[in-house]
Amino acid sequence: MTRADKNIIDCIIAINPMIYALQDKIEKEQEGVIADMTSPAKSVVRRLTELDNRRVDLCNLKVLFAFISLGLGDSLFLLQNSAGSSACDELYGRAARAIGKAGYSVARAREEFSYLFDKMLKGKRKRLACNLAGGGAPRTTFLRV
């Protein structure tokens, strides 16, 4: 399994705790789009469709996480806490097989959800830079969807 595949599995696991906050943010954005009656109907429909597609992607990520969780069982905790170590190679393989049971592949997950993962990683880089520059406690930031 390549490092990029492991990174995708790590991202699926890492984004799971944020999904409900992300869904709430999408709902608020949808309400704002609907409330903006000055926009042409075509742009409103396009924007609402984009937001619905993001919501579907979040639901699919929940399903993938559930399959990974079932496939790993108690070992999920080990993978979450020691992600990236070579000792977890077998766990990543089991996670990839679990994703396969959901009808996905790691490559397909990378294609479909890369925009979410990129935003998540961007937020992590921002928090790390803030911590290094300020030397203080990490700021809590949510993934922008």
N, C-alpha and C. Protein backbone atom coordinates (compact mmCIF):
# COMPACT_ATOMS: atom_id res chain seq x y z
N MET A 1 0.84 -1.17 0.00
CA MET A 1 0.00 0.00 0.00
C MET A 1 0.89 1.24 0.00
N THR A 2 0.54 2.18 -0.85
CA THR A 2 1.36 3.38 -0.97
C THR A 2 1.08 4.35 0.17
N ARG A 3 1.98 5.28 0.33
CA ARG A 3 1.82 6.31 1.37
C ARG A 3 0.59 7.17 1.08
N ALA A 4 0.33 7.43 -0.21
CA ALA A 4 -0.85 8.23 -0.58
C ALA A 4 -2.14 7.51 -0.19
N ASP A 5 -2.17 6.18 -0.37
CA ASP A 5 -3.35 5.40 0.03
C ASP A 5 -3.54 5.46 1.54
N LYS A 6 -2.44 5.35 2.28
CA LYS A 6 -2.52 5.44 3.73
C LYS A 6 -3.04 6.81 4.15
N ASN A 7 -2.60 7.84 3.44
CA ASN A 7 -3.03 9.20 3.75
C ASN A 7 -4.54 9.35 3.55
N ILE A 8 -5.09 8.75 2.50
CA ILE A 8 -6.53 8.82 2.25
C ILE A 8 -7.29 8.15 3.40
N ILE A 9 -6.81 6.99 3.83
CA ILE A 9 -7.46 6.29 4.94
C ILE A 9 -7.38 7.13 6.21
N ASP A 10 -6.22 7.73 6.46
CA ASP A 10 -6.07 8.63 7.61
C ASP A 10 -7.05 9.79 7.54
N CYS A 11 -7.23 10.35 6.35
CA CYS A 11 -8.14 11.48 6.17
C CYS A 11 -9.59 11.06 6.43
N ILE A 12 -9.98 9.88 5.95
CA ILE A 12 -11.34 9.40 6.19
C ILE A 12 -11.59 9.27 7.69
N ILE A 13 -10.60 8.73 8.40
CA ILE A 13 -10.74 8.56 9.84
C ILE A 13 -10.74 9.92 10.55
N ALA A 14 -9.88 10.82 10.11
CA ALA A 14 -9.75 12.12 10.78
C ALA A 14 -10.95 13.03 10.56
N ILE A 15 -11.60 12.94 9.42
CA ILE A 15 -12.71 13.85 9.12
C ILE A 15 -14.00 13.42 9.81
N ASN A 16 -14.09 12.16 10.22
CA ASN A 16 -15.33 11.65 10.79
C ASN A 16 -15.85 12.47 11.98
N PRO A 17 -15.01 12.85 12.96
CA PRO A 17 -15.56 13.63 14.08
C PRO A 17 -16.08 15.01 13.68
N MET A 18 -15.69 15.51 12.53
CA MET A 18 -16.10 16.85 12.11
C MET A 18 -17.35 16.85 11.24
N ILE A 19 -17.83 15.68 10.86
CA ILE A 19 -18.90 15.60 9.85
C ILE A 19 -20.16 16.34 10.28
N TYR A 20 -20.58 16.20 11.52
CA TYR A 20 -21.82 16.86 11.94
C TYR A 20 -21.69 18.37 11.92
N ALA A 21 -20.54 18.88 12.32
CA ALA A 21 -20.32 20.32 12.26
C ALA A 21 -20.31 20.80 10.81
N LEU A 22 -19.74 20.00 9.93
CA LEU A 22 -19.70 20.35 8.51
C LEU A 22 -21.10 20.35 7.92
N GLN A 23 -21.92 19.38 8.31
CA GLN A 23 -23.29 19.34 7.81
C GLN A 23 -24.09 20.54 8.30
N ASP A 24 -23.89 20.93 9.55
CA ASP A 24 -24.58 22.12 10.07
C ASP A 24 -24.17 23.36 9.29
N LYS A 25 -22.89 23.44 8.98
CA LYS A 25 -22.39 24.60 8.23
C LYS A 25 -23.01 24.64 6.83
N ILE A 26 -23.16 23.48 6.20
CA ILE A 26 -23.79 23.41 4.87
C ILE A 26 -25.24 23.85 4.96
N GLU A 27 -25.95 23.41 5.99
CA GLU A 27 -27.36 23.81 6.16
C GLU A 27 -27.48 25.33 6.31
N LYS A 28 -26.61 25.93 7.11
CA LYS A 28 -26.66 27.38 7.29
C LYS A 28 -26.36 28.10 5.98
N GLU A 29 -25.40 27.56 5.23
CA GLU A 29 -25.07 28.18 3.95
C GLU A 29 -26.25 28.04 2.97
N GLN A 30 -26.93 26.89 3.00
CA GLN A 30 -28.11 26.71 2.15
C GLN A 30 -29.20 27.71 2.51
N GLU A 31 -29.43 27.91 3.80
CA GLU A 31 -30.43 28.87 4.22
C GLU A 31 -30.07 30.28 3.75
N GLY A 32 -28.77 30.61 3.79
CA GLY A 32 -28.33 31.91 3.31
C GLY A 32 -28.55 32.08 1.82
N VAL A 33 -28.30 31.00 1.07
CA VAL A 33 -28.49 31.07 -0.38
C VAL A 33 -29.97 31.24 -0.70
N ILE A 34 -30.82 30.53 0.01
CA ILE A 34 -32.26 30.64 -0.22
C ILE A 34 -32.77 32.03 0.17
N ALA A 35 -32.22 32.57 1.24
CA ALA A 35 -32.66 33.90 1.70
C ALA A 35 -32.23 35.01 0.76
N ASP A 36 -31.19 34.78 -0.03
CA ASP A 36 -30.70 35.80 -0.95
C ASP A 36 -31.57 35.79 -2.21
N MET A 37 -32.62 36.53 -2.18
CA MET A 37 -33.56 36.54 -3.30
C MET A 37 -33.13 37.48 -4.42
N THR A 38 -32.01 38.16 -4.26
CA THR A 38 -31.55 39.07 -5.32
C THR A 38 -30.75 38.32 -6.39
N SER A 39 -30.28 37.12 -6.09
CA SER A 39 -29.50 36.35 -7.06
C SER A 39 -30.43 35.76 -8.12
N PRO A 40 -29.93 35.60 -9.33
CA PRO A 40 -30.73 34.94 -10.37
C PRO A 40 -31.00 33.48 -9.97
N ALA A 41 -32.16 33.00 -10.35
CA ALA A 41 -32.59 31.64 -9.97
C ALA A 41 -31.58 30.59 -10.41
N LYS A 42 -30.97 30.78 -11.57
CA LYS A 42 -30.03 29.79 -12.09
C LYS A 42 -28.83 29.64 -11.15
N SER A 43 -28.31 30.75 -10.66
CA SER A 43 -27.15 30.66 -9.77
C SER A 43 -27.54 30.09 -8.40
N VAL A 44 -28.76 30.37 -7.95
CA VAL A 44 -29.23 29.81 -6.68
C VAL A 44 -29.35 28.30 -6.79
N VAL A 45 -29.94 27.83 -7.86
CA VAL A 45 -30.09 26.39 -8.06
C VAL A 45 -28.72 25.72 -8.17
N ARG A 46 -27.80 26.33 -8.89
CA ARG A 46 -26.45 25.78 -9.04
C ARG A 46 -25.76 25.68 -7.69
N ARG A 47 -25.87 26.74 -6.90
CA ARG A 47 -25.22 26.76 -5.58
C ARG A 47 -25.84 25.73 -4.63
N LEU A 48 -27.17 25.61 -4.65
CA LEU A 48 -27.83 24.63 -3.81
C LEU A 48 -27.46 23.20 -4.22
N THR A 49 -27.31 22.97 -5.50
CA THR A 49 -26.89 21.66 -5.99
C THR A 49 -25.48 21.33 -5.51
N GLU A 50 -24.59 22.31 -5.56
CA GLU A 50 -23.22 22.10 -5.07
C GLU A 50 -23.23 21.75 -3.59
N LEU A 51 -24.04 22.46 -2.81
CA LEU A 51 -24.11 22.19 -1.38
C LEU A 51 -24.70 20.81 -1.10
N ASP A 52 -25.72 20.42 -1.86
CA ASP A 52 -26.28 19.07 -1.70
C ASP A 52 -25.26 18.00 -2.05
N ASN A 53 -24.46 18.25 -3.07
CA ASN A 53 -23.42 17.28 -3.44
C ASN A 53 -22.40 17.12 -2.32
N ARG A 54 -22.06 18.22 -1.66
CA ARG A 54 -21.14 18.14 -0.52
C ARG A 54 -21.75 17.35 0.63
N ARG A 55 -23.03 17.56 0.85
CA ARG A 55 -23.71 16.82 1.91
C ARG A 55 -23.71 15.31 1.61
N VAL A 56 -23.94 14.95 0.36
CA VAL A 56 -23.89 13.54 -0.05
C VAL A 56 -22.49 12.98 0.17
N ASP A 57 -21.47 13.77 -0.17
CA ASP A 57 -20.09 13.32 0.05
C ASP A 57 -19.82 13.06 1.53
N LEU A 58 -20.33 13.92 2.40
CA LEU A 58 -20.15 13.71 3.84
C LEU A 58 -20.85 12.43 4.29
N CYS A 59 -22.02 12.17 3.76
CA CYS A 59 -22.72 10.92 4.10
C CYS A 59 -21.93 9.71 3.62
N ASN A 60 -21.37 9.79 2.43
CA ASN A 60 -20.55 8.69 1.92
C ASN A 60 -19.32 8.49 2.78
N LEU A 61 -18.73 9.56 3.27
CA LEU A 61 -17.57 9.44 4.17
C LEU A 61 -17.97 8.78 5.48
N LYS A 62 -19.17 9.08 5.97
CA LYS A 62 -19.66 8.41 7.18
C LYS A 62 -19.76 6.91 6.95
N VAL A 63 -20.27 6.53 5.79
CA VAL A 63 -20.40 5.11 5.46
C VAL A 63 -19.03 4.46 5.37
N LEU A 64 -18.08 5.11 4.70
CA LEU A 64 -16.73 4.54 4.59
C LEU A 64 -16.10 4.39 5.97
N PHE A 65 -16.29 5.38 6.83
CA PHE A 65 -15.74 5.28 8.18
C PHE A 65 -16.37 4.10 8.92
N ALA A 66 -17.68 3.92 8.76
CA ALA A 66 -18.36 2.80 9.43
C ALA A 66 -17.80 1.46 8.94
N PHE A 67 -17.54 1.34 7.64
CA PHE A 67 -16.95 0.11 7.12
C PHE A 67 -15.54 -0.10 7.66
N ILE A 68 -14.76 0.96 7.73
CA ILE A 68 -13.41 0.86 8.29
C ILE A 68 -13.49 0.45 9.76
N SER A 69 -14.41 1.07 10.48
CA SER A 69 -14.58 0.77 11.89
C SER A 69 -14.96 -0.69 12.10
N LEU A 70 -15.89 -1.19 11.29
CA LEU A 70 -16.28 -2.59 11.39
C LEU A 70 -15.13 -3.52 10.99
N GLY A 71 -14.40 -3.13 9.96
CA GLY A 71 -13.30 -3.96 9.48
C GLY A 71 -12.14 -4.04 10.46
N LEU A 72 -11.91 -2.97 11.20
CA LEU A 72 -10.78 -2.94 12.13
C LEU A 72 -11.17 -3.31 13.56
N GLY A 73 -12.42 -3.09 13.91
CA GLY A 73 -12.85 -3.39 15.28
C GLY A 73 -12.07 -2.56 16.28
N ASP A 74 -11.56 -3.23 17.32
CA ASP A 74 -10.80 -2.54 18.36
C ASP A 74 -9.48 -1.97 17.86
N SER A 75 -9.01 -2.44 16.72
CA SER A 75 -7.75 -1.96 16.17
C SER A 75 -7.85 -0.56 15.59
N LEU A 76 -9.07 -0.05 15.41
CA LEU A 76 -9.25 1.30 14.88
C LEU A 76 -8.55 2.31 15.79
N PHE A 77 -8.67 2.14 17.09
CA PHE A 77 -8.03 3.03 18.04
C PHE A 77 -6.51 3.04 17.84
N LEU A 78 -5.95 1.87 17.59
CA LEU A 78 -4.50 1.77 17.35
C LEU A 78 -4.10 2.53 16.10
N LEU A 79 -4.90 2.38 15.04
CA LEU A 79 -4.60 3.07 13.79
C LEU A 79 -4.73 4.58 13.95
N GLN A 80 -5.72 5.02 14.69
CA GLN A 80 -5.92 6.46 14.91
C GLN A 80 -4.75 7.07 15.68
N ASN A 81 -4.21 6.35 16.60
CA ASN A 81 -3.17 6.91 17.47
C ASN A 81 -1.76 6.69 16.98
N SER A 82 -1.57 5.79 16.04
CA SER A 82 -0.21 5.58 15.54
C SER A 82 -0.19 5.60 14.02
N ALA A 83 -1.03 6.44 13.45
CA ALA A 83 -1.13 6.55 11.99
C ALA A 83 0.22 6.92 11.39
N GLY A 84 0.54 6.25 10.31
CA GLY A 84 1.78 6.54 9.60
C GLY A 84 2.93 5.64 9.99
N SER A 85 2.82 4.92 11.09
CA SER A 85 3.92 4.05 11.49
C SER A 85 3.88 2.77 10.67
N SER A 86 5.04 2.18 10.48
CA SER A 86 5.11 0.96 9.67
C SER A 86 4.45 -0.21 10.39
N ALA A 87 4.26 -0.12 11.69
CA ALA A 87 3.61 -1.19 12.44
C ALA A 87 2.14 -1.31 12.04
N CYS A 88 1.59 -0.29 11.44
CA CYS A 88 0.17 -0.28 11.08
C CYS A 88 -0.09 -0.73 9.66
N ASP A 89 0.93 -1.19 8.94
CA ASP A 89 0.74 -1.58 7.55
C ASP A 89 -0.38 -2.59 7.37
N GLU A 90 -0.44 -3.55 8.26
CA GLU A 90 -1.48 -4.58 8.16
C GLU A 90 -2.86 -3.97 8.43
N LEU A 91 -2.92 -3.00 9.33
CA LEU A 91 -4.19 -2.33 9.62
C LEU A 91 -4.67 -1.51 8.42
N TYR A 92 -3.74 -0.85 7.75
CA TYR A 92 -4.11 -0.10 6.55
C TYR A 92 -4.64 -1.03 5.47
N GLY A 93 -4.04 -2.19 5.36
CA GLY A 93 -4.53 -3.18 4.40
C GLY A 93 -5.94 -3.63 4.73
N ARG A 94 -6.20 -3.87 6.01
CA ARG A 94 -7.55 -4.24 6.44
C ARG A 94 -8.53 -3.11 6.19
N ALA A 95 -8.10 -1.87 6.42
CA ALA A 95 -8.96 -0.72 6.17
C ALA A 95 -9.28 -0.59 4.68
N ALA A 96 -8.28 -0.81 3.84
CA ALA A 96 -8.50 -0.73 2.39
C ALA A 96 -9.47 -1.82 1.94
N ARG A 97 -9.36 -3.01 2.50
CA ARG A 97 -10.30 -4.09 2.15
C ARG A 97 -11.71 -3.74 2.63
N ALA A 98 -11.81 -3.09 3.79
CA ALA A 98 -13.12 -2.67 4.30
C ALA A 98 -13.74 -1.62 3.38
N ILE A 99 -12.92 -0.72 2.88
CA ILE A 99 -13.42 0.28 1.92
C ILE A 99 -13.91 -0.43 0.66
N GLY A 100 -13.20 -1.46 0.24
CA GLY A 100 -13.62 -2.26 -0.91
C GLY A 100 -14.97 -2.92 -0.70
N LYS A 101 -15.24 -3.35 0.52
CA LYS A 101 -16.54 -3.96 0.82
C LYS A 101 -17.67 -2.96 0.71
N ALA A 102 -17.36 -1.68 0.85
CA ALA A 102 -18.37 -0.62 0.70
C ALA A 102 -18.62 -0.27 -0.76
N GLY A 103 -17.89 -0.93 -1.66
CA GLY A 103 -18.06 -0.64 -3.09
C GLY A 103 -17.17 0.48 -3.58
N TYR A 104 -16.22 0.88 -2.77
CA TYR A 104 -15.28 1.93 -3.13
C TYR A 104 -13.89 1.32 -3.24
N SER A 105 -12.98 2.12 -3.70
CA SER A 105 -11.56 1.80 -3.61
C SER A 105 -10.90 3.03 -3.01
N VAL A 106 -9.68 2.87 -2.56
CA VAL A 106 -8.97 4.02 -2.00
C VAL A 106 -8.77 5.08 -3.09
N ALA A 107 -8.51 4.62 -4.31
CA ALA A 107 -8.32 5.56 -5.42
C ALA A 107 -9.61 6.34 -5.70
N ARG A 108 -10.74 5.66 -5.66
CA ARG A 108 -12.01 6.34 -5.90
C ARG A 108 -12.29 7.35 -4.78
N ALA A 109 -12.00 6.96 -3.54
CA ALA A 109 -12.18 7.87 -2.41
C ALA A 109 -11.30 9.10 -2.58
N ARG A 110 -10.06 8.89 -3.06
CA ARG A 110 -9.15 10.01 -3.30
C ARG A 110 -9.75 10.95 -4.34
N GLU A 111 -10.28 10.40 -5.42
CA GLU A 111 -10.86 11.22 -6.49
C GLU A 111 -12.08 12.01 -6.00
N GLU A 112 -12.99 11.33 -5.33
CA GLU A 112 -14.26 11.94 -4.97
C GLU A 112 -14.17 12.91 -3.80
N PHE A 113 -13.26 12.66 -2.86
CA PHE A 113 -13.24 13.45 -1.64
C PHE A 113 -11.97 14.27 -1.47
N SER A 114 -11.14 14.34 -2.49
CA SER A 114 -9.86 15.05 -2.35
C SER A 114 -10.07 16.52 -1.99
N TYR A 115 -11.13 17.14 -2.48
CA TYR A 115 -11.35 18.55 -2.15
C TYR A 115 -11.60 18.73 -0.65
N LEU A 116 -12.28 17.78 -0.02
CA LEU A 116 -12.50 17.85 1.42
C LEU A 116 -11.21 17.59 2.18
N PHE A 117 -10.45 16.60 1.74
CA PHE A 117 -9.20 16.26 2.40
C PHE A 117 -8.20 17.40 2.29
N ASP A 118 -8.15 18.04 1.11
CA ASP A 118 -7.23 19.16 0.92
C ASP A 118 -7.57 20.30 1.88
N LYS A 119 -8.85 20.58 2.05
CA LYS A 119 -9.26 21.64 2.98
C LYS A 119 -8.92 21.25 4.41
N MET A 120 -9.09 19.97 4.74
CA MET A 120 -8.78 19.51 6.09
C MET A 120 -7.29 19.64 6.35
N LEU A 121 -6.46 19.23 5.41
CA LEU A 121 -5.02 19.31 5.58
C LEU A 121 -4.56 20.77 5.62
N LYS A 122 -5.22 21.63 4.84
CA LYS A 122 -4.89 23.05 4.86
C LYS A 122 -5.14 23.63 6.24
N GLY A 123 -6.23 23.24 6.87
CA GLY A 123 -6.54 23.69 8.23
C GLY A 123 -5.51 23.20 9.22
N LYS A 124 -5.04 21.97 9.06
CA LYS A 124 -4.02 21.44 9.95
C LYS A 124 -2.72 22.22 9.80
N ARG A 125 -2.36 22.55 8.56
CA ARG A 125 -1.13 23.32 8.33
C ARG A 125 -1.25 24.70 8.95
N LYS A 126 -2.43 25.33 8.85
CA LYS A 126 -2.63 26.66 9.44
C LYS A 126 -2.46 26.60 10.95
N ARG A 127 -3.07 25.59 11.59
CA ARG A 127 -2.97 25.47 13.05
C ARG A 127 -1.53 25.23 13.46
N LEU A 128 -0.80 24.39 12.70
CA LEU A 128 0.59 24.11 13.02
C LEU A 128 1.43 25.38 12.90
N ALA A 129 1.22 26.15 11.83
CA ALA A 129 1.97 27.39 11.64
C ALA A 129 1.66 28.38 12.75
N CYS A 130 0.40 28.44 13.15
CA CYS A 130 -0.01 29.35 14.24
C CYS A 130 0.67 28.93 15.54
N ASN A 131 0.72 27.65 15.80
CA ASN A 131 1.35 27.16 17.04
C ASN A 131 2.85 27.44 17.03
N LEU A 132 3.50 27.25 15.89
CA LEU A 132 4.93 27.47 15.81
C LEU A 132 5.27 28.95 15.93
N ALA A 133 4.43 29.81 15.34
CA ALA A 133 4.69 31.24 15.37
C ALA A 133 4.38 31.83 16.73
N GLY A 134 3.24 31.43 17.30
CA GLY A 134 2.80 32.03 18.55
C GLY A 134 3.26 31.29 19.78
N GLY A 135 3.57 30.02 19.62
CA GLY A 135 4.01 29.22 20.74
C GLY A 135 2.90 28.93 21.74
N GLY A 136 1.67 29.23 21.38
CA GLY A 136 0.57 29.03 22.32
C GLY A 136 -0.19 27.76 22.06
N ALA A 137 -1.32 27.67 22.70
CA ALA A 137 -2.18 26.51 22.54
C ALA A 137 -2.83 26.55 21.16
N PRO A 138 -3.17 25.38 20.62
CA PRO A 138 -3.78 25.34 19.29
C PRO A 138 -5.15 26.01 19.29
N ARG A 139 -5.43 26.70 18.21
CA ARG A 139 -6.75 27.30 18.04
C ARG A 139 -7.64 26.26 17.41
N THR A 140 -8.90 26.30 17.77
CA THR A 140 -9.85 25.38 17.17
C THR A 140 -10.39 26.01 15.90
N THR A 141 -10.22 25.30 14.80
CA THR A 141 -10.79 25.75 13.54
C THR A 141 -11.54 24.60 12.93
N PHE A 142 -12.62 24.93 12.26
CA PHE A 142 -13.41 23.92 11.61
C PHE A 142 -13.07 23.90 10.13
N LEU A 143 -13.28 22.76 9.55
CA LEU A 143 -13.04 22.58 8.13
C LEU A 143 -14.06 23.40 7.36
N ARG A 144 -13.59 24.19 6.44
CA ARG A 144 -14.49 24.98 5.62
C ARG A 144 -14.94 24.16 4.44
N VAL A 145 -16.23 24.05 4.31
CA VAL A 145 -16.78 23.26 3.20
C VAL A 145 -17.47 24.19 2.24
